[in-house]
Amino acid sequence: MTDIAATIRQNHDQESILRGAAEVFIQHGYDATSMGVLAENLGITKSAIYHHVPSKEYLLQLALDRALDSLEAILVDPLASTGSAIDRLMYVLRSSVGVLTDQLPFVTLLLRLRGNTELERSALTRRRAFNQVIAELVDQARTDGDIRSDIDPRTTTRLLFGMIGSVVDWYRPGGPVSAEDVANDVVAVAFGGVRAR
């Protein structure tokens, strides 16, 4: 029995099923995960899952909302809307890494969406809207002279979030690198590079 299945059997609530389902969707792909596959991987019956949620689509919606709501909440924080564009951008990047490390399975699932269903396309639209705000911050910081002007703001945004998104492939909670260190390193590399001065 996997650690996920053991946790679900012990807790057997919507939250543990949601976290386990996100891991199974990541491992097998959402489209390839039937309720039977989900139940088998979680070590519980399909009826036990249905006791807590009406469908696998509902689980996907909850998982994606967890990731997107957390990311969107960054943008309404006063630190993301006041001060210089460069300070706001640094805050948003640091906070995005925090969301990723705190909501790892849900953000990983979001980053691996293919847009095969209306639900996935809706989530991707929300993700693009979030990225658009970041692109506008990058453009403003560039206009202010705080970041390079020779790189397109959308390209810069994609590169920044590509770097952040790569964290899902190697970061492990409780591992040798803390979430705070990851956030600090991302901001340091993004704004200072890796070349020794």
N, C-alpha and C. Protein backbone atom coordinates (compact mmCIF):
# COMPACT_ATOMS: atom_id res chain seq x y z
N MET A 1 0.84 -1.18 0.00
CA MET A 1 0.00 0.00 0.00
C MET A 1 0.89 1.25 0.00
N THR A 2 0.52 2.23 -0.83
CA THR A 2 1.31 3.46 -0.89
C THR A 2 1.05 4.32 0.33
N ASP A 3 1.94 5.31 0.54
CA ASP A 3 1.74 6.25 1.64
C ASP A 3 0.43 7.01 1.47
N ILE A 4 0.10 7.36 0.21
CA ILE A 4 -1.15 8.07 -0.06
C ILE A 4 -2.33 7.22 0.37
N ALA A 5 -2.33 5.95 -0.07
CA ALA A 5 -3.44 5.07 0.27
C ALA A 5 -3.56 4.89 1.78
N ALA A 6 -2.43 4.75 2.46
CA ALA A 6 -2.46 4.58 3.92
C ALA A 6 -3.07 5.80 4.59
N THR A 7 -2.69 6.98 4.12
CA THR A 7 -3.24 8.22 4.68
C THR A 7 -4.73 8.31 4.44
N ILE A 8 -5.16 7.95 3.23
CA ILE A 8 -6.58 8.05 2.89
C ILE A 8 -7.39 7.06 3.71
N ARG A 9 -6.88 5.84 3.83
CA ARG A 9 -7.61 4.85 4.64
C ARG A 9 -7.74 5.32 6.08
N GLN A 10 -6.71 5.99 6.57
CA GLN A 10 -6.74 6.45 7.96
C GLN A 10 -7.68 7.64 8.11
N ASN A 11 -7.55 8.65 7.22
CA ASN A 11 -8.34 9.87 7.36
C ASN A 11 -9.71 9.77 6.72
N HIS A 12 -9.74 9.25 5.50
CA HIS A 12 -10.99 8.99 4.80
C HIS A 12 -11.94 10.19 4.82
N ASP A 13 -11.42 11.34 4.40
CA ASP A 13 -12.26 12.54 4.30
C ASP A 13 -12.02 13.20 2.95
N GLN A 14 -12.80 14.22 2.63
CA GLN A 14 -12.70 14.85 1.32
C GLN A 14 -11.30 15.41 1.07
N GLU A 15 -10.70 16.03 2.07
CA GLU A 15 -9.37 16.62 1.88
C GLU A 15 -8.33 15.57 1.53
N SER A 16 -8.31 14.46 2.25
CA SER A 16 -7.32 13.42 1.97
C SER A 16 -7.58 12.78 0.61
N ILE A 17 -8.85 12.61 0.25
CA ILE A 17 -9.19 12.07 -1.07
C ILE A 17 -8.76 13.05 -2.16
N LEU A 18 -8.98 14.34 -1.93
CA LEU A 18 -8.59 15.34 -2.92
C LEU A 18 -7.08 15.33 -3.14
N ARG A 19 -6.31 15.32 -2.06
CA ARG A 19 -4.85 15.30 -2.19
C ARG A 19 -4.39 14.02 -2.89
N GLY A 20 -4.97 12.92 -2.51
CA GLY A 20 -4.61 11.65 -3.15
C GLY A 20 -5.00 11.63 -4.62
N ALA A 21 -6.17 12.15 -4.94
CA ALA A 21 -6.63 12.18 -6.34
C ALA A 21 -5.69 13.03 -7.19
N ALA A 22 -5.25 14.17 -6.66
CA ALA A 22 -4.33 15.02 -7.41
C ALA A 22 -3.06 14.24 -7.75
N GLU A 23 -2.53 13.50 -6.79
CA GLU A 23 -1.32 12.70 -7.02
C GLU A 23 -1.57 11.63 -8.09
N VAL A 24 -2.74 11.00 -8.04
CA VAL A 24 -3.06 9.95 -9.02
C VAL A 24 -3.24 10.57 -10.40
N PHE A 25 -3.91 11.72 -10.48
CA PHE A 25 -4.08 12.41 -11.77
C PHE A 25 -2.71 12.77 -12.37
N ILE A 26 -1.79 13.21 -11.52
CA ILE A 26 -0.44 13.55 -11.99
C ILE A 26 0.27 12.30 -12.50
N GLN A 27 0.16 11.22 -11.75
CA GLN A 27 0.87 9.99 -12.09
C GLN A 27 0.33 9.33 -13.35
N HIS A 28 -0.99 9.25 -13.48
CA HIS A 28 -1.61 8.51 -14.58
C HIS A 28 -2.17 9.40 -15.69
N GLY A 29 -2.30 10.70 -15.41
CA GLY A 29 -2.98 11.59 -16.34
C GLY A 29 -4.47 11.61 -16.01
N TYR A 30 -5.05 12.78 -16.05
CA TYR A 30 -6.46 12.90 -15.69
C TYR A 30 -7.35 12.05 -16.58
N ASP A 31 -7.13 12.13 -17.90
CA ASP A 31 -7.99 11.41 -18.84
C ASP A 31 -7.92 9.90 -18.64
N ALA A 32 -6.75 9.40 -18.27
CA ALA A 32 -6.57 7.95 -18.11
C ALA A 32 -6.99 7.45 -16.73
N THR A 33 -7.41 8.34 -15.86
CA THR A 33 -7.78 7.95 -14.50
C THR A 33 -9.29 7.81 -14.38
N SER A 34 -9.75 6.58 -14.32
CA SER A 34 -11.17 6.32 -14.07
C SER A 34 -11.39 6.32 -12.55
N MET A 35 -12.64 6.31 -12.15
CA MET A 35 -12.92 6.21 -10.71
C MET A 35 -12.40 4.89 -10.16
N GLY A 36 -12.40 3.84 -10.98
CA GLY A 36 -11.85 2.55 -10.55
C GLY A 36 -10.35 2.64 -10.30
N VAL A 37 -9.63 3.29 -11.23
CA VAL A 37 -8.19 3.48 -11.06
C VAL A 37 -7.92 4.34 -9.82
N LEU A 38 -8.73 5.37 -9.66
CA LEU A 38 -8.58 6.25 -8.50
C LEU A 38 -8.78 5.47 -7.21
N ALA A 39 -9.86 4.70 -7.14
CA ALA A 39 -10.15 3.91 -5.94
C ALA A 39 -9.03 2.92 -5.64
N GLU A 40 -8.55 2.25 -6.69
CA GLU A 40 -7.47 1.27 -6.50
C GLU A 40 -6.21 1.93 -5.96
N ASN A 41 -5.84 3.07 -6.52
CA ASN A 41 -4.64 3.77 -6.08
C ASN A 41 -4.79 4.37 -4.69
N LEU A 42 -5.99 4.75 -4.33
CA LEU A 42 -6.21 5.34 -3.01
C LEU A 42 -6.45 4.28 -1.94
N GLY A 43 -6.67 3.04 -2.37
CA GLY A 43 -6.87 1.95 -1.41
C GLY A 43 -8.23 1.98 -0.73
N ILE A 44 -9.21 2.57 -1.41
CA ILE A 44 -10.58 2.60 -0.88
C ILE A 44 -11.53 2.23 -2.02
N THR A 45 -12.79 2.05 -1.70
CA THR A 45 -13.76 1.68 -2.72
C THR A 45 -14.27 2.91 -3.46
N LYS A 46 -14.83 2.67 -4.66
CA LYS A 46 -15.43 3.78 -5.40
C LYS A 46 -16.57 4.40 -4.60
N SER A 47 -17.34 3.58 -3.91
CA SER A 47 -18.46 4.12 -3.13
C SER A 47 -17.95 5.02 -2.00
N ALA A 48 -16.78 4.71 -1.45
CA ALA A 48 -16.20 5.57 -0.41
C ALA A 48 -15.83 6.94 -1.00
N ILE A 49 -15.33 6.93 -2.23
CA ILE A 49 -15.02 8.21 -2.89
C ILE A 49 -16.32 8.98 -3.14
N TYR A 50 -17.32 8.28 -3.69
CA TYR A 50 -18.60 8.93 -4.01
C TYR A 50 -19.32 9.45 -2.75
N HIS A 51 -18.97 8.88 -1.61
CA HIS A 51 -19.55 9.39 -0.36
C HIS A 51 -19.10 10.83 -0.09
N HIS A 52 -17.90 11.19 -0.59
CA HIS A 52 -17.33 12.51 -0.33
C HIS A 52 -17.42 13.47 -1.51
N VAL A 53 -17.41 12.93 -2.72
CA VAL A 53 -17.45 13.78 -3.92
C VAL A 53 -18.33 13.14 -4.98
N PRO A 54 -18.99 13.95 -5.82
CA PRO A 54 -19.90 13.38 -6.81
C PRO A 54 -19.22 12.80 -8.05
N SER A 55 -17.98 13.23 -8.36
CA SER A 55 -17.36 12.77 -9.61
C SER A 55 -15.87 13.08 -9.61
N LYS A 56 -15.17 12.49 -10.56
CA LYS A 56 -13.74 12.81 -10.71
C LYS A 56 -13.59 14.23 -11.24
N GLU A 57 -14.55 14.70 -12.04
CA GLU A 57 -14.51 16.08 -12.52
C GLU A 57 -14.57 17.06 -11.36
N TYR A 58 -15.37 16.73 -10.37
CA TYR A 58 -15.47 17.58 -9.18
C TYR A 58 -14.13 17.63 -8.45
N LEU A 59 -13.45 16.49 -8.36
CA LEU A 59 -12.13 16.46 -7.73
C LEU A 59 -11.14 17.32 -8.50
N LEU A 60 -11.19 17.24 -9.83
CA LEU A 60 -10.30 18.07 -10.64
C LEU A 60 -10.61 19.54 -10.41
N GLN A 61 -11.90 19.89 -10.38
CA GLN A 61 -12.29 21.29 -10.14
C GLN A 61 -11.76 21.78 -8.80
N LEU A 62 -11.94 20.98 -7.75
CA LEU A 62 -11.44 21.37 -6.43
C LEU A 62 -9.93 21.56 -6.44
N ALA A 63 -9.21 20.65 -7.10
CA ALA A 63 -7.75 20.72 -7.14
C ALA A 63 -7.29 21.96 -7.89
N LEU A 64 -7.88 22.22 -9.04
CA LEU A 64 -7.48 23.38 -9.83
C LEU A 64 -7.85 24.68 -9.14
N ASP A 65 -9.03 24.70 -8.51
CA ASP A 65 -9.41 25.90 -7.76
C ASP A 65 -8.45 26.16 -6.61
N ARG A 66 -7.98 25.10 -5.96
CA ARG A 66 -7.04 25.27 -4.86
C ARG A 66 -5.78 25.97 -5.37
N ALA A 67 -5.27 25.52 -6.51
CA ALA A 67 -4.05 26.12 -7.07
C ALA A 67 -4.32 27.55 -7.54
N LEU A 68 -5.36 27.73 -8.33
CA LEU A 68 -5.62 29.04 -8.93
C LEU A 68 -6.08 30.07 -7.91
N ASP A 69 -6.92 29.67 -6.97
CA ASP A 69 -7.36 30.62 -5.93
C ASP A 69 -6.16 31.11 -5.13
N SER A 70 -5.23 30.20 -4.84
CA SER A 70 -4.04 30.58 -4.07
C SER A 70 -3.16 31.54 -4.87
N LEU A 71 -2.99 31.29 -6.16
CA LEU A 71 -2.19 32.19 -7.00
C LEU A 71 -2.88 33.55 -7.16
N GLU A 72 -4.17 33.53 -7.42
CA GLU A 72 -4.91 34.78 -7.61
C GLU A 72 -4.95 35.61 -6.33
N ALA A 73 -4.93 34.95 -5.17
CA ALA A 73 -4.93 35.67 -3.89
C ALA A 73 -3.66 36.51 -3.74
N ILE A 74 -2.57 36.09 -4.36
CA ILE A 74 -1.33 36.87 -4.32
C ILE A 74 -1.58 38.26 -4.89
N LEU A 75 -2.32 38.33 -5.98
CA LEU A 75 -2.50 39.58 -6.70
C LEU A 75 -3.36 40.60 -5.97
N VAL A 76 -4.17 40.15 -5.01
CA VAL A 76 -5.01 41.09 -4.26
C VAL A 76 -4.34 41.53 -2.96
N ASP A 77 -3.21 40.96 -2.65
CA ASP A 77 -2.46 41.39 -1.48
C ASP A 77 -1.93 42.81 -1.73
N PRO A 78 -1.99 43.69 -0.75
CA PRO A 78 -1.49 45.06 -0.94
C PRO A 78 -0.03 45.11 -1.42
N LEU A 79 0.79 44.15 -1.04
CA LEU A 79 2.19 44.14 -1.48
C LEU A 79 2.32 43.88 -2.98
N ALA A 80 1.27 43.35 -3.59
CA ALA A 80 1.29 43.10 -5.04
C ALA A 80 0.70 44.27 -5.81
N SER A 81 0.11 45.23 -5.10
CA SER A 81 -0.57 46.32 -5.81
C SER A 81 -0.07 47.71 -5.44
N THR A 82 0.86 47.80 -4.50
CA THR A 82 1.40 49.10 -4.13
C THR A 82 2.92 49.05 -4.17
N GLY A 83 3.53 50.20 -4.38
CA GLY A 83 4.99 50.27 -4.45
C GLY A 83 5.47 50.20 -5.88
N SER A 84 6.77 50.12 -6.04
CA SER A 84 7.35 50.08 -7.39
C SER A 84 7.02 48.76 -8.06
N ALA A 85 7.02 48.78 -9.38
CA ALA A 85 6.72 47.57 -10.15
C ALA A 85 7.71 46.46 -9.84
N ILE A 86 8.98 46.80 -9.68
CA ILE A 86 9.99 45.78 -9.41
C ILE A 86 9.77 45.13 -8.05
N ASP A 87 9.39 45.93 -7.05
CA ASP A 87 9.10 45.36 -5.73
C ASP A 87 7.86 44.47 -5.77
N ARG A 88 6.86 44.91 -6.50
CA ARG A 88 5.64 44.11 -6.64
C ARG A 88 5.93 42.81 -7.38
N LEU A 89 6.75 42.90 -8.42
CA LEU A 89 7.10 41.71 -9.19
C LEU A 89 7.87 40.72 -8.33
N MET A 90 8.83 41.21 -7.56
CA MET A 90 9.59 40.33 -6.68
C MET A 90 8.68 39.67 -5.64
N TYR A 91 7.73 40.44 -5.11
CA TYR A 91 6.79 39.88 -4.15
C TYR A 91 5.94 38.77 -4.80
N VAL A 92 5.44 39.04 -6.00
CA VAL A 92 4.59 38.06 -6.68
C VAL A 92 5.37 36.79 -6.99
N LEU A 93 6.61 36.92 -7.45
CA LEU A 93 7.41 35.73 -7.75
C LEU A 93 7.70 34.92 -6.48
N ARG A 94 8.12 35.61 -5.43
CA ARG A 94 8.40 34.92 -4.16
C ARG A 94 7.13 34.22 -3.65
N SER A 95 6.02 34.91 -3.72
CA SER A 95 4.75 34.34 -3.24
C SER A 95 4.29 33.18 -4.12
N SER A 96 4.55 33.27 -5.42
CA SER A 96 4.18 32.17 -6.33
C SER A 96 4.95 30.91 -5.99
N VAL A 97 6.22 31.05 -5.67
CA VAL A 97 7.00 29.90 -5.24
C VAL A 97 6.41 29.35 -3.94
N GLY A 98 6.00 30.24 -3.04
CA GLY A 98 5.37 29.81 -1.79
C GLY A 98 4.10 29.01 -2.04
N VAL A 99 3.27 29.48 -2.96
CA VAL A 99 2.05 28.74 -3.31
C VAL A 99 2.42 27.39 -3.89
N LEU A 100 3.38 27.38 -4.78
CA LEU A 100 3.78 26.12 -5.42
C LEU A 100 4.25 25.10 -4.38
N THR A 101 5.09 25.53 -3.47
CA THR A 101 5.62 24.58 -2.48
C THR A 101 4.57 24.19 -1.46
N ASP A 102 3.62 25.09 -1.16
CA ASP A 102 2.57 24.80 -0.20
C ASP A 102 1.45 23.95 -0.81
N GLN A 103 1.17 24.18 -2.07
CA GLN A 103 0.07 23.48 -2.75
C GLN A 103 0.64 22.61 -3.88
N LEU A 104 1.73 21.95 -3.62
CA LEU A 104 2.51 21.26 -4.65
C LEU A 104 1.68 20.35 -5.57
N PRO A 105 0.88 19.42 -5.05
CA PRO A 105 0.17 18.54 -5.99
C PRO A 105 -0.84 19.29 -6.86
N PHE A 106 -1.46 20.32 -6.30
CA PHE A 106 -2.49 21.05 -7.05
C PHE A 106 -1.86 21.94 -8.13
N VAL A 107 -0.76 22.59 -7.81
CA VAL A 107 -0.09 23.42 -8.81
C VAL A 107 0.56 22.53 -9.87
N THR A 108 1.11 21.40 -9.47
CA THR A 108 1.67 20.46 -10.44
C THR A 108 0.61 20.03 -11.44
N LEU A 109 -0.56 19.70 -10.93
CA LEU A 109 -1.68 19.31 -11.79
C LEU A 109 -2.04 20.45 -12.74
N LEU A 110 -2.12 21.66 -12.23
CA LEU A 110 -2.42 22.83 -13.06
C LEU A 110 -1.40 22.98 -14.17
N LEU A 111 -0.12 22.84 -13.85
CA LEU A 111 0.94 23.03 -14.83
C LEU A 111 0.97 21.93 -15.90
N ARG A 112 0.33 20.81 -15.62
CA ARG A 112 0.35 19.69 -16.58
C ARG A 112 -0.95 19.56 -17.36
N LEU A 113 -1.84 20.51 -17.23
CA LEU A 113 -3.11 20.45 -17.97
C LEU A 113 -2.86 20.51 -19.47
N ARG A 114 -3.71 19.82 -20.20
CA ARG A 114 -3.61 19.84 -21.65
C ARG A 114 -4.76 20.61 -22.30
N GLY A 115 -5.79 20.93 -21.54
CA GLY A 115 -6.92 21.65 -22.12
C GLY A 115 -7.88 20.76 -22.88
N ASN A 116 -7.99 19.49 -22.47
CA ASN A 116 -8.84 18.54 -23.18
C ASN A 116 -10.32 18.69 -22.84
N THR A 117 -10.64 19.31 -21.72
CA THR A 117 -12.04 19.46 -21.32
C THR A 117 -12.34 20.94 -21.09
N GLU A 118 -13.61 21.26 -21.02
CA GLU A 118 -14.01 22.64 -20.76
C GLU A 118 -13.47 23.10 -19.41
N LEU A 119 -13.49 22.24 -18.44
CA LEU A 119 -12.96 22.56 -17.12
C LEU A 119 -11.47 22.90 -17.19
N GLU A 120 -10.71 22.12 -17.93
CA GLU A 120 -9.29 22.39 -18.09
C GLU A 120 -9.05 23.69 -18.86
N ARG A 121 -9.83 23.92 -19.89
CA ARG A 121 -9.67 25.16 -20.67
C ARG A 121 -10.00 26.38 -19.82
N SER A 122 -11.00 26.27 -18.97
CA SER A 122 -11.34 27.37 -18.06
C SER A 122 -10.19 27.66 -17.10
N ALA A 123 -9.58 26.60 -16.58
CA ALA A 123 -8.44 26.77 -15.67
C ALA A 123 -7.26 27.41 -16.40
N LEU A 124 -7.04 27.00 -17.64
CA LEU A 124 -5.94 27.58 -18.41
C LEU A 124 -6.19 29.05 -18.71
N THR A 125 -7.45 29.42 -18.91
CA THR A 125 -7.80 30.83 -19.11
C THR A 125 -7.47 31.64 -17.86
N ARG A 126 -7.80 31.11 -16.70
CA ARG A 126 -7.46 31.79 -15.44
C ARG A 126 -5.95 31.90 -15.28
N ARG A 127 -5.23 30.85 -15.64
CA ARG A 127 -3.77 30.88 -15.52
C ARG A 127 -3.17 31.94 -16.46
N ARG A 128 -3.71 32.03 -17.68
CA ARG A 128 -3.22 33.05 -18.61
C ARG A 128 -3.50 34.46 -18.09
N ALA A 129 -4.66 34.65 -17.45
CA ALA A 129 -4.98 35.97 -16.88
C ALA A 129 -3.99 36.32 -15.78
N PHE A 130 -3.61 35.36 -14.96
CA PHE A 130 -2.61 35.58 -13.91
C PHE A 130 -1.28 35.97 -14.56
N ASN A 131 -0.89 35.21 -15.59
CA ASN A 131 0.37 35.50 -16.28
C ASN A 131 0.36 36.88 -16.94
N GLN A 132 -0.82 37.31 -17.40
CA GLN A 132 -0.93 38.62 -18.04
C GLN A 132 -0.62 39.74 -17.04
N VAL A 133 -1.09 39.59 -15.82
CA VAL A 133 -0.79 40.58 -14.78
C VAL A 133 0.72 40.64 -14.54
N ILE A 134 1.37 39.49 -14.54
CA ILE A 134 2.81 39.45 -14.33
C ILE A 134 3.52 40.12 -15.51
N ALA A 135 3.05 39.84 -16.72
CA ALA A 135 3.65 40.47 -17.91
C ALA A 135 3.54 41.99 -17.82
N GLU A 136 2.42 42.49 -17.32
CA GLU A 136 2.23 43.93 -17.16
C GLU A 136 3.19 44.49 -16.11
N LEU A 137 3.42 43.75 -15.04
CA LEU A 137 4.40 44.17 -14.03
C LEU A 137 5.81 44.20 -14.61
N VAL A 138 6.14 43.18 -15.39
CA VAL A 138 7.45 43.13 -16.03
C VAL A 138 7.60 44.33 -16.95
N ASP A 139 6.57 44.63 -17.74
CA ASP A 139 6.62 45.76 -18.67
C ASP A 139 6.79 47.08 -17.92
N GLN A 140 6.07 47.23 -16.80
CA GLN A 140 6.19 48.46 -16.02
C GLN A 140 7.58 48.58 -15.40
N ALA A 141 8.11 47.48 -14.88
CA ALA A 141 9.45 47.51 -14.30
C ALA A 141 10.48 47.83 -15.37
N ARG A 142 10.25 47.35 -16.57
CA ARG A 142 11.15 47.66 -17.69
C ARG A 142 11.07 49.14 -18.04
N THR A 143 9.85 49.66 -18.09
CA THR A 143 9.65 51.09 -18.37
C THR A 143 10.31 51.94 -17.29
N ASP A 144 10.25 51.48 -16.04
CA ASP A 144 10.86 52.20 -14.93
C ASP A 144 12.39 52.12 -14.94
N GLY A 145 12.93 51.27 -15.80
CA GLY A 145 14.39 51.11 -15.88
C GLY A 145 14.96 50.15 -14.87
N ASP A 146 14.09 49.34 -14.23
CA ASP A 146 14.57 48.41 -13.20
C ASP A 146 14.93 47.03 -13.72
N ILE A 147 14.49 46.70 -14.93
CA ILE A 147 14.91 45.45 -15.54
C ILE A 147 15.27 45.72 -17.00
N ARG A 148 15.94 44.78 -17.60
CA ARG A 148 16.44 44.95 -18.97
C ARG A 148 15.31 45.29 -19.94
N SER A 149 15.65 46.17 -20.87
CA SER A 149 14.66 46.59 -21.86
C SER A 149 14.82 45.85 -23.18
N ASP A 150 15.84 45.01 -23.29
CA ASP A 150 16.09 44.33 -24.57
C ASP A 150 15.43 42.95 -24.66
N ILE A 151 14.64 42.58 -23.66
CA ILE A 151 13.92 41.31 -23.69
C ILE A 151 12.42 41.60 -23.61
N ASP A 152 11.65 40.98 -24.49
CA ASP A 152 10.21 41.17 -24.52
C ASP A 152 9.59 40.80 -23.17
N PRO A 153 8.65 41.63 -22.65
CA PRO A 153 8.06 41.34 -21.34
C PRO A 153 7.34 39.99 -21.27
N ARG A 154 6.70 39.58 -22.35
CA ARG A 154 6.01 38.28 -22.34
C ARG A 154 7.02 37.14 -22.30
N THR A 155 8.12 37.29 -23.01
CA THR A 155 9.17 36.28 -22.96
C THR A 155 9.77 36.22 -21.56
N THR A 156 10.01 37.40 -20.99
CA THR A 156 10.54 37.44 -19.62
C THR A 156 9.58 36.74 -18.66
N THR A 157 8.28 37.02 -18.81
CA THR A 157 7.27 36.39 -17.95
C THR A 157 7.30 34.87 -18.11
N ARG A 158 7.36 34.41 -19.34
CA ARG A 158 7.40 32.96 -19.59
C ARG A 158 8.64 32.33 -18.98
N LEU A 159 9.78 33.00 -19.12
CA LEU A 159 11.01 32.47 -18.55
C LEU A 159 10.96 32.44 -17.03
N LEU A 160 10.44 33.50 -16.43
CA LEU A 160 10.32 33.54 -14.97
C LEU A 160 9.43 32.42 -14.47
N PHE A 161 8.26 32.26 -15.11
CA PHE A 161 7.35 31.22 -14.64
C PHE A 161 7.77 29.83 -15.09
N GLY A 162 8.57 29.75 -16.15
CA GLY A 162 9.16 28.47 -16.49
C GLY A 162 10.12 28.01 -15.40
N MET A 163 10.90 28.97 -14.88
CA MET A 163 11.82 28.65 -13.79
C MET A 163 11.04 28.23 -12.55
N ILE A 164 10.00 28.98 -12.23
CA ILE A 164 9.19 28.63 -11.05
C ILE A 164 8.50 27.29 -11.26
N GLY A 165 7.94 27.09 -12.45
CA GLY A 165 7.23 25.84 -12.73
C GLY A 165 8.12 24.62 -12.67
N SER A 166 9.42 24.79 -12.96
CA SER A 166 10.33 23.64 -12.91
C SER A 166 10.50 23.11 -11.49
N VAL A 167 10.16 23.92 -10.52
CA VAL A 167 10.32 23.50 -9.12
C VAL A 167 9.49 22.24 -8.83
N VAL A 168 8.35 22.08 -9.51
CA VAL A 168 7.50 20.91 -9.24
C VAL A 168 8.21 19.61 -9.58
N ASP A 169 9.21 19.67 -10.44
CA ASP A 169 9.91 18.45 -10.84
C ASP A 169 10.95 17.98 -9.84
N TRP A 170 11.40 18.86 -8.95
CA TRP A 170 12.46 18.44 -8.05
C TRP A 170 12.23 18.79 -6.58
N TYR A 171 11.37 19.74 -6.28
CA TYR A 171 11.18 20.12 -4.88
C TYR A 171 10.38 19.04 -4.14
N ARG A 172 10.82 18.70 -2.95
CA ARG A 172 10.11 17.76 -2.10
C ARG A 172 9.98 18.36 -0.71
N PRO A 173 8.76 18.51 -0.20
CA PRO A 173 8.59 19.03 1.16
C PRO A 173 9.38 18.17 2.15
N GLY A 174 10.06 18.83 3.05
CA GLY A 174 10.87 18.12 4.03
C GLY A 174 12.22 17.69 3.49
N GLY A 175 12.52 18.05 2.24
CA GLY A 175 13.80 17.69 1.64
C GLY A 175 14.92 18.61 2.10
N PRO A 176 16.07 18.54 1.45
CA PRO A 176 17.23 19.30 1.90
C PRO A 176 17.13 20.80 1.65
N VAL A 177 16.22 21.22 0.77
CA VAL A 177 16.06 22.64 0.46
C VAL A 177 14.69 23.09 0.95
N SER A 178 14.66 24.13 1.79
CA SER A 178 13.39 24.60 2.33
C SER A 178 12.64 25.41 1.28
N ALA A 179 11.34 25.54 1.47
CA ALA A 179 10.51 26.34 0.57
C ALA A 179 10.99 27.78 0.54
N GLU A 180 11.37 28.30 1.70
CA GLU A 180 11.86 29.68 1.76
C GLU A 180 13.16 29.85 0.98
N ASP A 181 14.04 28.85 1.07
CA ASP A 181 15.29 28.91 0.31
C ASP A 181 15.03 28.87 -1.20
N VAL A 182 14.06 28.06 -1.60
CA VAL A 182 13.72 28.00 -3.02
C VAL A 182 13.23 29.37 -3.49
N ALA A 183 12.34 29.98 -2.73
CA ALA A 183 11.82 31.31 -3.10
C ALA A 183 12.94 32.33 -3.18
N ASN A 184 13.82 32.33 -2.19
CA ASN A 184 14.95 33.27 -2.18
C ASN A 184 15.86 33.04 -3.39
N ASP A 185 16.13 31.78 -3.70
CA ASP A 185 17.01 31.47 -4.83
C ASP A 185 16.38 31.86 -6.16
N VAL A 186 15.08 31.63 -6.32
CA VAL A 186 14.40 32.02 -7.55
C VAL A 186 14.51 33.52 -7.76
N VAL A 187 14.22 34.29 -6.72
CA VAL A 187 14.30 35.75 -6.84
C VAL A 187 15.74 36.20 -7.10
N ALA A 188 16.71 35.57 -6.42
CA ALA A 188 18.11 35.93 -6.62
C ALA A 188 18.56 35.66 -8.05
N VAL A 189 18.20 34.50 -8.59
CA VAL A 189 18.60 34.16 -9.96
C VAL A 189 17.84 35.03 -10.96
N ALA A 190 16.56 35.25 -10.72
CA ALA A 190 15.74 36.05 -11.65
C ALA A 190 16.25 37.47 -11.76
N PHE A 191 16.67 38.05 -10.65
CA PHE A 191 17.04 39.46 -10.68
C PHE A 191 18.53 39.73 -10.57
N GLY A 192 19.31 38.69 -10.26
CA GLY A 192 20.75 38.89 -10.15
C GLY A 192 21.56 37.97 -11.03
N GLY A 193 20.93 36.95 -11.59
CA GLY A 193 21.67 36.00 -12.40
C GLY A 193 22.46 35.03 -11.54
N VAL A 194 23.24 34.21 -12.19
CA VAL A 194 24.04 33.22 -11.48
C VAL A 194 25.53 33.53 -11.54
N ARG A 195 25.90 34.49 -12.31
CA ARG A 195 27.33 34.82 -12.46
C ARG A 195 27.83 35.54 -11.20
N ALA A 196 28.97 35.06 -10.69
CA ALA A 196 29.56 35.72 -9.51
C ALA A 196 30.00 37.11 -9.88
N ARG A 197 29.85 38.03 -8.95
CA ARG A 197 30.19 39.43 -9.22
C ARG A 197 31.60 39.72 -8.77
